[in-house]
N, C-alpha and C. Protein backbone atom coordinates (compact mmCIF):
# COMPACT_ATOMS: atom_id res chain seq x y z
N TYR A 1 0.77 -0.95 -0.13
CA TYR A 1 -0.23 0.15 -0.24
C TYR A 1 0.83 1.24 0.15
N MET A 2 1.23 1.53 -0.96
CA MET A 2 2.14 2.79 -1.28
C MET A 2 1.86 4.09 -1.88
N ASP A 3 0.12 3.84 -1.99
CA ASP A 3 -0.33 5.43 -2.47
C ASP A 3 -1.24 6.08 -1.22
N ILE A 4 -1.88 6.86 -1.78
CA ILE A 4 -1.93 7.91 -0.51
C ILE A 4 -3.96 7.35 -0.40
N GLY A 5 -4.53 6.87 -1.62
CA GLY A 5 -5.76 6.33 -1.30
C GLY A 5 -5.48 5.07 -0.29
N ASN A 6 -4.91 4.36 -0.51
CA ASN A 6 -5.01 2.49 0.47
C ASN A 6 -4.88 3.00 1.44
N THR A 7 -3.63 4.25 1.92
CA THR A 7 -3.16 4.57 3.05
C THR A 7 -4.15 4.89 3.48
N THR A 8 -4.65 6.05 3.55
CA THR A 8 -5.66 7.06 4.11
C THR A 8 -6.68 5.94 4.76
N SER A 9 -7.40 5.35 3.28
CA SER A 9 -8.48 4.13 3.91
C SER A 9 -8.22 3.10 4.54
N LEU A 10 -7.06 2.52 4.90
CA LEU A 10 -6.49 1.28 6.23
C LEU A 10 -6.46 2.70 7.70
N ALA A 11 -5.68 3.60 6.96
CA ALA A 11 -5.63 4.38 8.58
C ALA A 11 -7.34 4.99 8.95
N TRP A 12 -8.11 5.33 7.81
CA TRP A 12 -9.28 5.90 8.85
C TRP A 12 -10.03 4.44 9.14
N TYR A 13 -9.97 3.47 8.72
CA TYR A 13 -10.43 1.96 9.00
C TYR A 13 -9.78 1.84 10.67
N ASN A 14 -8.64 2.28 10.94
CA ASN A 14 -7.61 1.92 12.11
C ASN A 14 -8.45 2.82 13.02
N PHE A 15 -8.54 3.92 12.29
CA PHE A 15 -9.02 4.88 13.54
C PHE A 15 -10.07 4.88 14.17
N TYR A 16 -11.37 4.60 13.09
CA TYR A 16 -12.80 4.47 13.34
C TYR A 16 -13.00 3.07 14.33
N GLY A 17 -12.09 2.24 13.96
CA GLY A 17 -11.84 0.96 14.44
C GLY A 17 -11.42 0.94 16.03
N THR A 18 -11.14 1.95 16.06
CA THR A 18 -10.24 2.03 17.70
C THR A 18 -11.38 3.13 18.70
N LEU A 19 -11.64 4.17 17.77
CA LEU A 19 -13.01 4.80 18.03
C LEU A 19 -14.07 4.59 19.05
N LEU A 20 -14.38 3.44 18.03
CA LEU A 20 -15.82 2.96 18.42
C LEU A 20 -15.68 2.42 19.56
N PRO A 21 -14.76 1.27 20.07
CA PRO A 21 -15.04 0.67 21.40
C PRO A 21 -14.16 1.54 22.35
N THR A 22 -14.02 2.64 22.02
CA THR A 22 -13.34 3.58 23.05
C THR A 22 -14.25 4.71 23.71
N LEU A 23 -15.00 4.75 22.88
CA LEU A 23 -16.49 5.05 22.93
C LEU A 23 -17.57 4.18 23.83
N ASN A 24 -17.24 3.38 23.83
CA ASN A 24 -18.05 2.46 24.20
C ASN A 24 -17.70 2.25 26.03
N VAL A 25 -16.71 1.94 25.91
CA VAL A 25 -16.06 1.49 26.95
C VAL A 25 -16.04 2.92 27.72
N PHE A 26 -16.21 4.10 27.42
CA PHE A 26 -16.44 5.01 28.17
C PHE A 26 -17.66 4.82 28.38
N LEU A 27 -18.80 4.44 27.98
CA LEU A 27 -20.33 4.60 28.69
C LEU A 27 -19.85 3.37 29.53
N MET A 28 -19.38 2.57 29.33
CA MET A 28 -19.45 0.98 30.26
C MET A 28 -18.91 1.47 31.75
N TRP A 29 -17.80 2.23 31.34
CA TRP A 29 -16.96 2.73 33.04
C TRP A 29 -18.13 4.31 33.61
N GLY A 30 -18.69 4.56 32.91
CA GLY A 30 -19.26 5.75 32.98
C GLY A 30 -20.63 5.38 33.61
N PHE A 31 -21.04 4.44 33.68
CA PHE A 31 -22.35 3.71 34.06
C PHE A 31 -22.20 2.68 35.27
N CYS A 32 -21.22 2.02 35.32
CA CYS A 32 -20.51 1.54 36.59
C CYS A 32 -19.13 1.96 36.65
N PRO A 33 -18.58 2.88 37.39
CA PRO A 33 -17.47 3.47 37.54
C PRO A 33 -16.45 2.28 38.16
N ASP A 34 -16.84 0.98 38.84
CA ASP A 34 -15.89 0.44 39.33
C ASP A 34 -15.58 -0.98 39.04
N GLY A 35 -16.55 -0.91 37.81
CA GLY A 35 -16.22 -2.30 36.96
C GLY A 35 -17.24 -3.36 37.91
N VAL A 36 -16.55 -4.46 37.74
CA VAL A 36 -17.03 -5.61 38.43
C VAL A 36 -16.09 -5.61 39.68
N THR A 37 -15.01 -4.97 39.88
CA THR A 37 -13.53 -5.08 40.56
C THR A 37 -14.72 -5.42 42.57
N LYS A 38 -15.78 -4.04 42.43
CA LYS A 38 -16.27 -4.48 44.13
C LYS A 38 -17.73 -4.94 44.18
N THR A 39 -17.71 -5.94 43.03
CA THR A 39 -19.11 -6.95 42.81
C THR A 39 -18.34 -8.09 42.61
N GLU A 40 -19.40 -8.99 42.16
CA GLU A 40 -19.05 -10.77 41.87
C GLU A 40 -19.45 -10.70 40.67
N ILE A 41 -19.33 -11.80 40.25
CA ILE A 41 -19.45 -12.38 38.66
C ILE A 41 -21.03 -12.94 39.01
N PHE A 42 -21.72 -12.62 37.85
CA PHE A 42 -23.44 -12.63 37.92
C PHE A 42 -23.85 -11.36 38.41
N SER A 43 -23.28 -10.52 38.92
CA SER A 43 -23.78 -9.63 39.46
C SER A 43 -24.74 -8.76 38.31
N PRO A 44 -25.60 -7.61 38.90
CA PRO A 44 -26.25 -7.25 37.73
C PRO A 44 -25.09 -6.04 36.51
N THR A 45 -23.97 -5.69 37.60
CA THR A 45 -22.52 -4.90 36.44
C THR A 45 -21.81 -6.03 35.76
N TRP A 46 -22.15 -7.10 35.93
CA TRP A 46 -21.30 -8.28 35.69
C TRP A 46 -21.98 -8.51 34.18
N TRP A 47 -23.78 -8.68 34.21
CA TRP A 47 -24.44 -8.90 33.09
C TRP A 47 -24.26 -7.83 32.42
N PHE A 48 -24.40 -6.68 32.50
CA PHE A 48 -24.41 -5.74 32.07
C PHE A 48 -22.91 -5.55 31.07
N GLY A 49 -22.17 -5.92 31.46
CA GLY A 49 -20.56 -5.89 30.58
C GLY A 49 -21.01 -6.71 30.05
N MET A 50 -21.43 -7.97 29.95
CA MET A 50 -21.37 -9.28 28.92
C MET A 50 -22.33 -8.56 27.90
N ILE A 51 -23.38 -8.55 28.37
CA ILE A 51 -24.60 -8.14 27.47
C ILE A 51 -24.22 -6.36 26.24
N ASP A 52 -23.40 -5.80 26.67
CA ASP A 52 -22.83 -5.06 26.05
C ASP A 52 -21.94 -5.40 25.35
N PHE A 53 -21.12 -6.51 25.63
CA PHE A 53 -19.97 -7.42 24.89
C PHE A 53 -20.49 -8.14 24.07
N ILE A 54 -21.67 -8.55 24.32
CA ILE A 54 -22.79 -9.16 23.23
C ILE A 54 -22.90 -8.62 21.61
N VAL A 55 -23.89 -7.44 22.81
CA VAL A 55 -24.10 -6.67 21.64
C VAL A 55 -23.27 -5.77 20.27
N PHE A 56 -21.97 -5.25 21.01
CA PHE A 56 -21.18 -4.58 20.44
C PHE A 56 -20.55 -5.61 19.42
N ASN A 57 -20.31 -6.73 19.90
CA ASN A 57 -19.37 -7.73 18.84
C ASN A 57 -20.98 -8.33 17.53
N GLY A 58 -22.32 -8.56 18.53
CA GLY A 58 -22.85 -8.92 17.23
C GLY A 58 -23.02 -7.83 16.63
N ALA A 59 -23.27 -6.76 16.75
CA ALA A 59 -23.71 -5.65 15.78
C ALA A 59 -22.32 -5.62 14.86
N PHE A 60 -21.02 -5.65 15.33
CA PHE A 60 -19.98 -5.55 13.95
C PHE A 60 -19.99 -6.59 13.12
N LEU A 61 -20.24 -7.97 13.81
CA LEU A 61 -20.17 -9.32 13.35
C LEU A 61 -21.45 -9.55 11.79
N VAL A 62 -22.38 -8.72 11.86
CA VAL A 62 -23.93 -8.92 11.61
C VAL A 62 -23.62 -7.83 10.25
N LEU A 63 -23.19 -6.51 10.88
CA LEU A 63 -23.31 -5.56 10.12
C LEU A 63 -22.30 -5.45 8.77
N ASN A 64 -22.83 -4.48 7.83
CA ASN A 64 -22.00 -4.77 6.72
C ASN A 64 -20.20 -3.72 6.97
N VAL A 65 -19.92 -3.78 8.03
CA VAL A 65 -19.13 -2.84 8.52
C VAL A 65 -17.50 -3.44 7.62
N PRO A 66 -16.75 -2.00 6.95
CA PRO A 66 -15.40 -2.97 6.47
C PRO A 66 -14.51 -3.92 7.40
N VAL A 67 -13.66 -4.73 6.67
CA VAL A 67 -13.21 -5.71 7.66
C VAL A 67 -12.13 -5.13 8.59
N GLY A 68 -11.03 -3.65 7.63
CA GLY A 68 -10.24 -3.23 8.88
C GLY A 68 -11.24 -2.81 10.04
N VAL A 69 -11.72 -2.52 9.86
CA VAL A 69 -13.34 -1.54 11.14
C VAL A 69 -13.01 -2.76 11.65
N ARG A 70 -13.97 -3.71 11.21
CA ARG A 70 -14.20 -4.54 12.36
C ARG A 70 -13.05 -5.21 13.04
N MET A 71 -12.06 -5.74 12.41
CA MET A 71 -10.91 -6.06 12.81
C MET A 71 -10.50 -5.68 14.20
N PHE A 72 -10.17 -4.33 14.28
CA PHE A 72 -9.83 -3.27 15.22
C PHE A 72 -10.65 -3.35 16.55
N ALA A 73 -11.85 -2.99 15.68
CA ALA A 73 -12.97 -2.55 16.89
C ALA A 73 -13.38 -4.39 17.61
N LEU A 74 -13.78 -5.05 17.06
CA LEU A 74 -13.32 -6.16 17.65
C LEU A 74 -12.15 -6.74 18.85
N SER A 75 -10.80 -6.49 18.32
CA SER A 75 -10.01 -6.62 19.09
C SER A 75 -9.82 -5.51 20.28
N TRP A 76 -10.04 -4.47 20.04
CA TRP A 76 -10.27 -3.62 21.61
C TRP A 76 -11.01 -3.56 22.19
N GLN A 77 -12.59 -4.11 21.79
CA GLN A 77 -13.67 -4.24 22.26
C GLN A 77 -13.41 -5.59 23.42
N ALA A 78 -12.34 -7.07 23.01
CA ALA A 78 -12.75 -7.78 23.77
C ALA A 78 -11.58 -7.50 24.77
N TYR A 79 -10.47 -7.04 24.65
CA TYR A 79 -9.53 -6.40 25.56
C TYR A 79 -10.19 -5.62 26.78
N PHE A 80 -11.22 -4.58 25.88
CA PHE A 80 -11.65 -3.47 27.04
C PHE A 80 -12.86 -4.11 28.25
N SER A 81 -13.77 -5.14 27.38
CA SER A 81 -14.28 -6.06 28.05
C SER A 81 -14.13 -7.05 29.07
N MET A 82 -13.19 -7.24 28.92
CA MET A 82 -11.91 -8.59 29.66
C MET A 82 -11.74 -7.85 30.78
N ALA A 83 -11.11 -6.54 30.73
CA ALA A 83 -11.08 -5.78 31.78
C ALA A 83 -12.04 -5.34 32.72
N PHE A 84 -13.22 -5.15 32.18
CA PHE A 84 -14.25 -4.40 32.80
C PHE A 84 -15.05 -5.52 33.53
N LEU A 85 -14.70 -6.77 32.61
CA LEU A 85 -15.70 -8.28 33.99
C LEU A 85 -14.66 -9.01 34.81
N ASP A 86 -13.40 -8.55 35.06
CA ASP A 86 -12.58 -9.37 35.68
C ASP A 86 -12.49 -8.92 37.03
N PRO A 87 -12.98 -9.11 38.46
CA PRO A 87 -13.10 -9.04 39.13
C PRO A 87 -11.61 -8.42 40.07
N ASN A 88 -10.49 -8.77 39.52
CA ASN A 88 -9.19 -8.23 39.86
C ASN A 88 -8.73 -7.33 38.89
N ASN A 89 -9.37 -6.93 38.30
CA ASN A 89 -8.99 -5.37 36.99
C ASN A 89 -8.03 -5.03 37.70
N THR A 90 -7.37 -4.02 37.82
CA THR A 90 -6.29 -3.31 38.13
C THR A 90 -6.16 -2.23 37.07
N THR A 91 -6.48 -2.43 36.02
CA THR A 91 -6.58 -1.44 34.92
C THR A 91 -7.00 0.22 34.94
N LYS A 92 -6.72 1.24 34.48
CA LYS A 92 -7.25 2.45 35.05
C LYS A 92 -8.01 2.52 33.59
N PHE A 93 -9.30 2.89 33.99
CA PHE A 93 -9.77 3.62 32.28
C PHE A 93 -10.76 5.11 32.69
N SER A 94 -11.19 5.50 32.24
CA SER A 94 -11.56 6.77 31.99
C SER A 94 -12.91 6.54 32.61
N THR A 95 -13.64 7.28 33.56
CA THR A 95 -15.11 7.15 33.46
C THR A 95 -16.16 7.63 32.66
N GLY A 96 -15.77 8.02 31.55
CA GLY A 96 -16.85 8.98 30.48
C GLY A 96 -16.17 10.22 30.51
N LEU A 97 -16.40 10.80 29.30
CA LEU A 97 -15.99 12.15 28.90
C LEU A 97 -16.13 13.49 29.89
N ASP A 98 -16.17 13.47 30.90
CA ASP A 98 -15.58 14.72 32.00
C ASP A 98 -14.53 13.62 32.69
N ASP A 99 -14.40 12.64 32.67
CA ASP A 99 -13.17 12.31 33.61
C ASP A 99 -12.11 11.34 32.45
N VAL A 100 -11.43 12.03 31.69
CA VAL A 100 -10.59 11.60 30.58
C VAL A 100 -9.25 11.61 31.09
N ILE A 101 -8.71 10.11 31.14
CA ILE A 101 -7.34 9.43 31.61
C ILE A 101 -6.96 9.77 30.66
N LEU A 102 -5.66 10.44 29.65
CA LEU A 102 -4.42 10.10 29.04
C LEU A 102 -3.89 8.88 28.82
N GLU A 103 -3.44 8.38 30.09
CA GLU A 103 -2.67 7.34 30.54
C GLU A 103 -3.86 6.36 30.49
N GLY A 104 -5.12 6.15 30.49
CA GLY A 104 -5.82 5.46 30.94
C GLY A 104 -5.24 4.06 29.41
N ALA A 105 -6.23 2.85 29.67
CA ALA A 105 -6.18 1.67 28.99
C ALA A 105 -6.76 2.19 27.67
N ALA A 106 -7.86 3.39 27.56
CA ALA A 106 -8.76 3.57 26.56
C ALA A 106 -8.24 4.71 25.95
N VAL A 107 -7.89 5.65 26.41
CA VAL A 107 -7.53 6.31 25.43
C VAL A 107 -6.03 6.30 24.78
N GLY A 108 -5.35 6.06 26.08
CA GLY A 108 -3.49 5.58 25.27
C GLY A 108 -3.46 5.48 23.77
N PRO A 109 -4.48 4.36 23.76
CA PRO A 109 -4.09 3.19 22.66
C PRO A 109 -4.92 4.34 21.78
N LEU A 110 -5.79 4.77 21.65
CA LEU A 110 -6.46 5.94 20.96
C LEU A 110 -5.75 6.92 20.17
N VAL A 111 -5.09 7.23 21.40
CA VAL A 111 -4.04 8.98 20.72
C VAL A 111 -2.68 7.83 20.00
N GLY A 112 -2.12 6.95 20.60
CA GLY A 112 -1.82 6.67 19.32
C GLY A 112 -2.05 6.03 18.18
N THR A 113 -3.01 5.52 18.05
CA THR A 113 -3.74 5.22 16.87
C THR A 113 -3.89 6.68 15.80
N ILE A 114 -4.19 7.61 16.60
CA ILE A 114 -4.22 8.72 15.71
C ILE A 114 -2.94 9.63 15.42
N PHE A 115 -1.85 9.50 16.21
CA PHE A 115 -0.53 10.01 15.67
C PHE A 115 -0.03 8.70 14.80
N GLY A 116 -0.21 7.49 14.54
CA GLY A 116 -0.07 6.57 13.68
C GLY A 116 -0.41 6.40 12.35
N CYS A 117 -1.80 7.17 12.63
CA CYS A 117 -2.61 7.42 11.26
C CYS A 117 -2.04 8.68 10.39
N VAL A 118 -2.02 9.98 11.39
CA VAL A 118 -1.30 11.19 11.03
C VAL A 118 0.16 11.04 10.21
N LEU A 119 1.03 10.17 10.97
CA LEU A 119 2.36 9.84 10.34
C LEU A 119 2.27 9.13 8.95
N SER A 120 1.68 8.10 9.25
CA SER A 120 1.58 7.44 7.94
C SER A 120 0.99 8.06 7.04
N ILE A 121 -0.05 8.86 6.28
CA ILE A 121 -0.46 9.86 5.73
C ILE A 121 0.36 10.65 5.28
N LEU A 122 1.22 11.45 6.53
CA LEU A 122 2.33 12.11 6.05
C LEU A 122 3.56 11.68 5.00
N VAL A 123 4.10 10.43 5.39
CA VAL A 123 4.52 9.88 4.93
C VAL A 123 4.50 9.49 3.39
N VAL A 124 3.28 9.13 2.97
CA VAL A 124 3.04 8.74 2.10
C VAL A 124 2.80 9.94 1.23
N CYS A 125 2.30 11.03 1.76
CA CYS A 125 2.30 12.27 0.48
C CYS A 125 3.17 13.16 0.51
N SER A 126 4.28 13.29 1.43
CA SER A 126 5.42 14.18 0.77
C SER A 126 6.43 13.04 0.21
N SER A 127 7.05 13.71 -0.92
CA SER A 127 7.74 13.35 -1.95
C SER A 127 8.85 14.57 -2.30
N PRO A 128 10.44 14.02 -2.07
CA PRO A 128 11.37 15.00 -2.90
C PRO A 128 10.71 15.27 -4.02
N TRP A 129 10.60 14.74 -4.71
CA TRP A 129 10.04 15.09 -6.27
C TRP A 129 8.61 15.86 -6.24
N GLY A 130 8.37 16.21 -5.60
CA GLY A 130 6.99 16.51 -5.78
C GLY A 130 5.65 15.68 -6.09
N TYR A 131 6.12 14.43 -6.49
CA TYR A 131 4.64 14.22 -7.18
C TYR A 131 4.53 12.75 -5.99
N ALA A 132 3.40 13.16 -5.47
CA ALA A 132 2.58 11.58 -4.36
C ALA A 132 1.96 10.85 -5.51
N LEU A 133 2.00 9.78 -4.87
CA LEU A 133 1.74 8.21 -5.42
C LEU A 133 0.16 8.34 -5.10
N THR A 134 -0.63 8.12 -5.99
CA THR A 134 -1.75 8.09 -5.61
C THR A 134 -2.50 6.92 -6.35
N GLY A 135 -3.76 6.68 -5.78
CA GLY A 135 -4.12 5.75 -6.76
C GLY A 135 -5.03 5.92 -7.65
N LEU A 136 -5.19 6.91 -8.11
CA LEU A 136 -5.60 7.21 -9.22
C LEU A 136 -4.47 7.48 -10.68
N GLY A 137 -3.16 7.63 -10.07
CA GLY A 137 -1.87 7.33 -11.16
C GLY A 137 -2.02 6.08 -11.15
N SER A 138 -1.84 5.53 -10.03
CA SER A 138 -1.60 3.94 -10.55
C SER A 138 -2.85 2.81 -11.07
N ALA A 139 -3.63 3.61 -11.14
CA ALA A 139 -4.87 3.18 -11.61
C ALA A 139 -4.78 2.97 -13.14
N GLN A 140 -4.69 4.49 -13.58
CA GLN A 140 -4.01 4.71 -14.93
C GLN A 140 -3.17 4.20 -15.71
N GLU A 141 -2.17 4.04 -14.95
CA GLU A 141 -1.00 3.37 -15.29
C GLU A 141 -1.48 1.62 -15.43
N GLN A 142 -1.79 1.60 -14.83
CA GLN A 142 -2.21 -0.10 -14.75
C GLN A 142 -3.23 -0.34 -16.05
N ALA A 143 -4.29 0.91 -16.11
CA ALA A 143 -5.09 0.49 -17.52
C ALA A 143 -4.22 0.55 -18.64
N ILE A 144 -3.87 1.32 -18.43
CA ILE A 144 -2.82 1.41 -19.60
C ILE A 144 -1.75 -0.05 -20.36
N ASN A 145 -1.66 -0.42 -19.24
CA ASN A 145 -0.73 -1.25 -19.51
C ASN A 145 -1.58 -2.85 -19.85
N ILE A 146 -2.99 -2.79 -19.18
CA ILE A 146 -4.05 -3.71 -19.66
C ILE A 146 -4.35 -3.45 -20.59
N ALA A 147 -4.48 -2.39 -21.26
CA ALA A 147 -5.31 -2.14 -23.00
C ALA A 147 -4.14 -2.84 -23.67
N TRP A 148 -2.76 -2.33 -23.62
CA TRP A 148 -1.56 -2.38 -24.46
C TRP A 148 -1.41 -4.08 -24.45
N SER A 149 -1.58 -5.20 -23.15
CA SER A 149 -1.37 -6.61 -23.38
C SER A 149 -2.73 -7.11 -23.88
N GLU A 150 -3.83 -6.35 -23.69
CA GLU A 150 -4.88 -6.67 -24.48
C GLU A 150 -4.76 -6.61 -26.00
N GLY A 151 -4.36 -5.32 -26.89
CA GLY A 151 -4.00 -5.11 -28.00
C GLY A 151 -3.38 -6.25 -28.63
N MET A 152 -1.97 -6.66 -27.73
CA MET A 152 -1.11 -7.58 -28.29
C MET A 152 -1.87 -8.94 -28.32
N LEU A 153 -2.70 -9.45 -27.29
CA LEU A 153 -3.38 -10.71 -27.10
C LEU A 153 -4.32 -11.09 -28.45
N TRP A 154 -4.41 -9.62 -28.32
CA TRP A 154 -5.81 -10.18 -29.38
C TRP A 154 -4.98 -10.06 -31.43
N THR A 155 -3.75 -9.48 -31.36
CA THR A 155 -3.00 -9.26 -31.91
C THR A 155 -2.21 -10.88 -32.68
N GLN A 156 -2.09 -11.51 -31.23
CA GLN A 156 -1.56 -12.83 -31.47
C GLN A 156 -2.43 -14.40 -31.64
N MET A 157 -3.94 -13.90 -31.02
CA MET A 157 -4.73 -14.83 -31.43
C MET A 157 -5.11 -14.57 -32.78
N ILE A 158 -5.32 -13.33 -33.52
CA ILE A 158 -6.11 -13.46 -34.79
C ILE A 158 -4.90 -13.95 -35.63
N ARG A 159 -3.27 -13.99 -35.46
CA ARG A 159 -2.62 -14.11 -36.26
C ARG A 159 -2.55 -15.96 -35.87
N PHE A 160 -2.92 -16.49 -34.45
CA PHE A 160 -3.18 -17.93 -34.54
C PHE A 160 -3.89 -18.57 -35.30
N TYR A 161 -5.11 -18.08 -35.28
CA TYR A 161 -6.62 -18.53 -35.97
C TYR A 161 -6.51 -18.38 -37.26
N LYS A 162 -5.77 -17.67 -38.32
CA LYS A 162 -5.13 -16.64 -39.18
C LYS A 162 -4.21 -18.37 -39.89
N GLY A 163 -3.63 -18.90 -38.88
CA GLY A 163 -2.59 -20.09 -39.53
C GLY A 163 -2.97 -20.93 -39.70
N ASN A 164 -2.86 -22.06 -40.45
CA ASN A 164 -3.58 -23.68 -41.31
C ASN A 164 -2.93 -24.66 -40.58
N GLU A 165 -1.71 -24.34 -38.99
CA GLU A 165 -1.42 -25.41 -38.59
C GLU A 165 -1.78 -25.71 -37.19
N SER A 166 -2.13 -26.95 -36.76
CA SER A 166 -2.71 -26.88 -35.16
C SER A 166 -1.27 -26.74 -34.25
N THR A 167 -1.10 -25.72 -33.11
CA THR A 167 0.06 -25.19 -32.24
C THR A 167 -0.19 -25.69 -30.68
N VAL A 168 0.59 -25.45 -30.04
CA VAL A 168 0.30 -25.46 -28.63
C VAL A 168 0.31 -23.79 -28.55
N GLU A 169 0.23 -23.06 -29.33
CA GLU A 169 0.08 -21.61 -28.81
C GLU A 169 -0.80 -21.19 -28.42
N ILE A 170 -1.76 -21.85 -28.49
CA ILE A 170 -2.86 -21.59 -27.64
C ILE A 170 -3.19 -21.35 -26.51
N ASP A 171 -2.37 -22.58 -26.23
CA ASP A 171 -2.39 -22.37 -24.63
C ASP A 171 -1.65 -21.62 -23.97
N ARG A 172 -0.51 -20.99 -24.47
CA ARG A 172 0.13 -19.98 -23.83
C ARG A 172 -0.77 -18.35 -24.29
N LEU A 173 -1.51 -18.44 -24.63
CA LEU A 173 -2.52 -17.30 -25.38
C LEU A 173 -3.89 -17.57 -24.02
N LYS A 174 -3.88 -18.47 -23.53
CA LYS A 174 -5.13 -18.94 -22.19
C LYS A 174 -4.36 -18.40 -21.18
N GLY A 175 -3.03 -18.56 -21.13
CA GLY A 175 -2.56 -18.41 -20.28
C GLY A 175 -2.01 -16.80 -19.67
N GLU A 176 -1.73 -16.03 -20.91
CA GLU A 176 -1.48 -14.51 -20.97
C GLU A 176 -2.95 -14.06 -20.75
N ALA A 177 -4.14 -14.45 -21.13
CA ALA A 177 -5.37 -14.23 -20.81
C ALA A 177 -5.72 -14.35 -19.35
N LYS A 178 -5.59 -15.11 -18.57
CA LYS A 178 -6.12 -15.18 -17.19
C LYS A 178 -5.02 -14.08 -16.39
N ILE A 179 -3.51 -14.12 -16.81
CA ILE A 179 -2.85 -12.91 -16.41
C ILE A 179 -3.43 -11.91 -16.49
N LEU A 180 -3.91 -11.53 -17.70
CA LEU A 180 -4.59 -10.07 -18.43
C LEU A 180 -5.79 -10.29 -17.07
N GLU A 181 -6.70 -11.05 -16.78
CA GLU A 181 -7.49 -10.99 -15.78
C GLU A 181 -7.53 -10.63 -14.48
N ALA A 182 -6.00 -11.40 -14.04
CA ALA A 182 -5.55 -10.90 -12.74
C ALA A 182 -4.74 -9.42 -12.62
N LYS A 183 -4.42 -8.74 -13.63
CA LYS A 183 -4.27 -7.15 -13.70
C LYS A 183 -5.78 -6.61 -13.36
N VAL A 184 -7.04 -7.01 -14.49
CA VAL A 184 -8.15 -6.36 -14.10
C VAL A 184 -8.36 -6.65 -12.74
N MET A 185 -8.65 -7.96 -12.26
CA MET A 185 -8.75 -7.83 -10.87
C MET A 185 -8.50 -6.79 -10.09
N LYS A 186 -6.71 -6.54 -9.96
CA LYS A 186 -6.18 -5.25 -9.28
C LYS A 186 -6.74 -4.29 -9.51
N LEU A 187 -6.44 -4.07 -11.15
CA LEU A 187 -7.39 -2.50 -11.33
C LEU A 187 -8.64 -2.14 -10.77
N ASN A 188 -9.62 -2.62 -10.60
CA ASN A 188 -10.68 -2.97 -9.80
C ASN A 188 -10.72 -2.50 -8.14
N GLY A 189 -9.51 -3.21 -7.35
CA GLY A 189 -8.88 -2.51 -6.43
C GLY A 189 -8.33 -0.98 -6.26
N MET A 190 -7.42 -1.04 -7.04
CA MET A 190 -7.02 0.02 -7.37
C MET A 190 -8.09 1.83 -7.15
N MET A 191 -8.78 0.91 -8.34
CA MET A 191 -9.85 2.03 -8.19
C MET A 191 -10.98 2.09 -7.37
N SER A 192 -11.18 1.10 -6.32
CA SER A 192 -11.68 1.41 -5.09
C SER A 192 -10.91 2.34 -4.05
N ALA A 193 -10.03 2.38 -4.12
CA ALA A 193 -9.16 3.51 -3.34
C ALA A 193 -8.83 4.89 -4.05
N THR A 194 -9.56 5.21 -4.89
CA THR A 194 -9.09 6.27 -5.96
C THR A 194 -9.38 7.26 -5.25
N TRP A 195 -11.13 6.92 -4.30
CA TRP A 195 -11.56 8.70 -3.83
C TRP A 195 -11.15 8.90 -2.81
N TRP A 196 -10.44 8.14 -2.39
CA TRP A 196 -9.63 8.55 -0.93
C TRP A 196 -8.53 10.01 -0.92
């Protein structure tokens, strides 16, 4: 992922997938500031945490959420929920938006994610030659390559079928057509990231 579009897309998925569980954990610790540490397993607080975990994860598994967002959201939520449901938990979490702890277990990863996302985009955007690698530029180059390859393939196929003797060249042409099909699929992926 060397172009701005793919890097921005992945950075957004990472940020969004970290932000949602962070907000959810603010909600959990806001309603129950001590988690399960001052209660016991199967208490109302424990059931609140368990239902929140099941609903949050179920929503991400059922809804059509991009895989990158889903991956980060589910992994962070699993950690946050395990800390909330652990009676021996000593991890410090913010108890809401009015009590944000920057060194806390939820805000720290979010700040690190924001820093990493911004840094990754800045690295890809800057170029000493003044040219930034964009998804559109890569897609245009790939489309030109495909058009040229397809033209050459048609020329070779016409030459083969114009001939009067049977050869194994058709197998080579089929292989080139498969390679061309893979290039078209790659172009489809490039085009999906051009709007970033």
